[in-house]
C-alpha cells in the first residue's frame, strides 16, 4: 500500500482481488469506495463476501447499481461508523455549548 500511495501521488488507488482482499482492506480502514461486478455463475463454493468485516466499524451505502442480463455492477461508499459517531457527538457538544 505504501508503494501504491507513493506512485499515485494523491490520486485514487485501485485494488483488485476477491472477498478476502476486500475484508482485509475494509477492516484496515483503507477503502473509501468499492465496486462489485456480479455475474449469475454458480461455482458451488466460495467465501462469503463480507464475512469477517467489523460491522461495528464499517457501514456500507449503495451509490450506484447498473444491471444487464449478464452482470450487475454495484458501487458502495464505505462509512467508518465509529468515526462518524464521534463526529456527531462532537457536533452535538459544540452546538449545545454555543447556544
C-alpha atoms as a PDB file:
ATOM      1  CA  UNK A   1       0.000   0.000   0.000  1.00  0.00           C
ATOM      2  CA  UNK A   2       2.849   2.389   0.840  1.00  0.00           C
ATOM      3  CA  UNK A   3       4.351   1.908  -2.619  1.00  0.00           C
ATOM      4  CA  UNK A   4       0.962   2.404  -4.292  1.00  0.00           C
ATOM      5  CA  UNK A   5       0.441   5.694  -2.414  1.00  0.00           C
ATOM      6  CA  UNK A   6       3.860   6.950  -3.472  1.00  0.00           C
ATOM      7  CA  UNK A   7       3.191   6.147  -7.113  1.00  0.00           C
ATOM      8  CA  UNK A   8      -0.378   7.548  -7.045  1.00  0.00           C
ATOM      9  CA  UNK A   9       0.715  10.901  -5.571  1.00  0.00           C
ATOM     10  CA  UNK A  10      -2.652  11.642  -4.017  1.00  0.00           C
ATOM     11  CA  UNK A  11      -4.785  10.086  -6.763  1.00  0.00           C
ATOM     12  CA  UNK A  12      -7.135   7.136  -6.323  1.00  0.00           C
ATOM     13  CA  UNK A  13      -5.670   3.676  -5.847  1.00  0.00           C
ATOM     14  CA  UNK A  14      -7.496   0.690  -7.291  1.00  0.00           C
ATOM     15  CA  UNK A  15      -7.146  -2.701  -5.643  1.00  0.00           C
ATOM     16  CA  UNK A  16      -8.217  -5.897  -7.378  1.00  0.00           C
ATOM     17  CA  UNK A  17      -8.997  -9.097  -5.559  1.00  0.00           C
ATOM     18  CA  UNK A  18     -11.616 -11.359  -4.115  1.00  0.00           C
ATOM     19  CA  UNK A  19     -13.600 -11.480  -0.903  1.00  0.00           C
ATOM     20  CA  UNK A  20     -10.618 -11.907   1.411  1.00  0.00           C
ATOM     21  CA  UNK A  21      -8.871  -8.881  -0.092  1.00  0.00           C
ATOM     22  CA  UNK A  22     -11.982  -6.724   0.356  1.00  0.00           C
ATOM     23  CA  UNK A  23     -12.335  -7.750   4.017  1.00  0.00           C
ATOM     24  CA  UNK A  24      -8.675  -7.062   4.802  1.00  0.00           C
ATOM     25  CA  UNK A  25      -8.713  -3.569   3.305  1.00  0.00           C
ATOM     26  CA  UNK A  26     -12.132  -2.675   4.759  1.00  0.00           C
ATOM     27  CA  UNK A  27     -11.075  -3.685   8.265  1.00  0.00           C
ATOM     28  CA  UNK A  28      -7.806  -1.758   7.878  1.00  0.00           C
ATOM     29  CA  UNK A  29      -9.804   1.404   7.079  1.00  0.00           C
ATOM     30  CA  UNK A  30      -8.177   1.753   3.656  1.00  0.00           C
ATOM     31  CA  UNK A  31     -11.294   1.718   1.459  1.00  0.00           C
ATOM     32  CA  UNK A  32     -13.488   4.744   0.717  1.00  0.00           C
ATOM     33  CA  UNK A  33     -15.478   3.162  -2.092  1.00  0.00           C
ATOM     34  CA  UNK A  34     -15.577  -0.141  -3.965  1.00  0.00           C
ATOM     35  CA  UNK A  35     -17.261  -1.737  -6.959  1.00  0.00           C
ATOM     36  CA  UNK A  36     -18.510  -5.256  -7.488  1.00  0.00           C
ATOM     37  CA  UNK A  37     -19.419  -6.984 -10.733  1.00  0.00           C
ATOM     38  CA  UNK A  38     -21.883  -9.791 -10.008  1.00  0.00           C
ATOM     39  CA  UNK A  39     -22.463 -12.434 -12.679  1.00  0.00           C
ATOM     40  CA  UNK A  40     -25.001 -15.259 -12.384  1.00  0.00           C
ATOM     41  CA  UNK A  41     -22.392 -18.030 -12.371  1.00  0.00           C
ATOM     42  CA  UNK A  42     -22.612 -20.740  -9.748  1.00  0.00           C
ATOM     43  CA  UNK A  43     -19.308 -22.230  -8.670  1.00  0.00           C
ATOM     44  CA  UNK A  44     -20.753 -24.367  -5.904  1.00  0.00           C
ATOM     45  CA  UNK A  45     -18.442 -23.000  -3.222  1.00  0.00           C
ATOM     46  CA  UNK A  46     -16.617 -19.890  -2.180  1.00  0.00           C
ATOM     47  CA  UNK A  47     -16.047 -17.370   0.567  1.00  0.00           C
ATOM     48  CA  UNK A  48     -18.840 -15.168   1.871  1.00  0.00           C
ATOM     49  CA  UNK A  49     -18.022 -11.740   0.562  1.00  0.00           C
ATOM     50  CA  UNK A  50     -18.342  -9.705   3.768  1.00  0.00           C
ATOM     51  CA  UNK A  51     -17.672 -12.408   6.353  1.00  0.00           C
ATOM     52  CA  UNK A  52     -15.159 -11.038   8.829  1.00  0.00           C
ATOM     53  CA  UNK A  53     -15.907  -7.338   8.255  1.00  0.00           C
ATOM     54  CA  UNK A  54     -16.048  -5.468  11.571  1.00  0.00           C
ATOM     55  CA  UNK A  55     -19.719  -4.412  11.468  1.00  0.00           C
ATOM     56  CA  UNK A  56     -19.211  -2.125  14.469  1.00  0.00           C
ATOM     57  CA  UNK A  57     -16.742  -0.011  12.499  1.00  0.00           C
ATOM     58  CA  UNK A  58     -17.919  -0.272   8.884  1.00  0.00           C
ATOM     59  CA  UNK A  59     -21.202   0.631   7.236  1.00  0.00           C
ATOM     60  CA  UNK A  60     -21.914   0.445   3.509  1.00  0.00           C
ATOM     61  CA  UNK A  61     -24.110   2.745   1.442  1.00  0.00           C
ATOM     62  CA  UNK A  62     -25.023   1.828  -2.119  1.00  0.00           C
ATOM     63  CA  UNK A  63     -24.034   4.583  -4.526  1.00  0.00           C
ATOM     64  CA  UNK A  64     -24.936   3.025  -7.859  1.00  0.00           C
ATOM     65  CA  UNK A  65     -26.433  -0.153  -9.327  1.00  0.00           C
ATOM     66  CA  UNK A  66     -26.386  -0.904 -13.038  1.00  0.00           C
ATOM     67  CA  UNK A  67     -27.821  -4.162 -14.280  1.00  0.00           C
ATOM     68  CA  UNK A  68     -27.881  -6.071 -17.552  1.00  0.00           C
ATOM     69  CA  UNK A  69     -28.827  -9.652 -18.476  1.00  0.00           C
ATOM     70  CA  UNK A  70     -25.225 -10.835 -17.913  1.00  0.00           C
ATOM     71  CA  UNK A  71     -23.890  -8.782 -14.985  1.00  0.00           C
ATOM     72  CA  UNK A  72     -24.885  -6.334 -12.260  1.00  0.00           C
ATOM     73  CA  UNK A  73     -22.414  -3.589 -11.311  1.00  0.00           C
ATOM     74  CA  UNK A  74     -22.672  -2.306  -7.736  1.00  0.00           C
ATOM     75  CA  UNK A  75     -20.788   0.639  -6.258  1.00  0.00           C
ATOM     76  CA  UNK A  76     -20.672   1.192  -2.491  1.00  0.00           C
ATOM     77  CA  UNK A  77     -19.410   4.034  -0.318  1.00  0.00           C
ATOM     78  CA  UNK A  78     -17.727   2.923   2.896  1.00  0.00           C
ATOM     79  CA  UNK A  79     -18.642   4.771   6.056  1.00  0.00           C
ATOM     80  CA  UNK A  80     -16.477   4.430   9.127  1.00  0.00           C
ATOM     81  CA  UNK A  81     -19.189   4.066  11.793  1.00  0.00           C
ATOM     82  CA  UNK A  82     -17.001   4.863  14.801  1.00  0.00           C
ATOM     83  CA  UNK A  83     -15.565   7.993  13.157  1.00  0.00           C
ATOM     84  CA  UNK A  84     -18.978   9.272  12.046  1.00  0.00           C
ATOM     85  CA  UNK A  85     -20.461   8.632  15.501  1.00  0.00           C
ATOM     86  CA  UNK A  86     -17.589  10.540  17.123  1.00  0.00           C
ATOM     87  CA  UNK A  87     -18.069  13.444  14.707  1.00  0.00           C
ATOM     88  CA  UNK A  88     -21.788  13.543  15.514  1.00  0.00           C
ATOM     89  CA  UNK A  89     -21.014  13.584  19.254  1.00  0.00           C
ATOM     90  CA  UNK A  90     -18.551  16.465  18.818  1.00  0.00           C
ATOM     91  CA  UNK A  91     -21.041  18.398  16.678  1.00  0.00           C
ATOM     92  CA  UNK A  92     -23.744  17.931  19.331  1.00  0.00           C
ATOM     93  CA  UNK A  93     -21.434  19.187  22.094  1.00  0.00           C
ATOM     94  CA  UNK A  94     -20.339  22.194  20.032  1.00  0.00           C
ATOM     95  CA  UNK A  95     -23.953  23.044  19.183  1.00  0.00           C
ATOM     96  CA  UNK A  96     -25.105  22.772  22.807  1.00  0.00           C
ATOM     97  CA  UNK A  97     -22.235  24.907  24.137  1.00  0.00           C
ATOM     98  CA  UNK A  98     -22.733  27.665  21.570  1.00  0.00           C
ATOM     99  CA  UNK A  99     -26.422  28.174  22.382  1.00  0.00           C
END
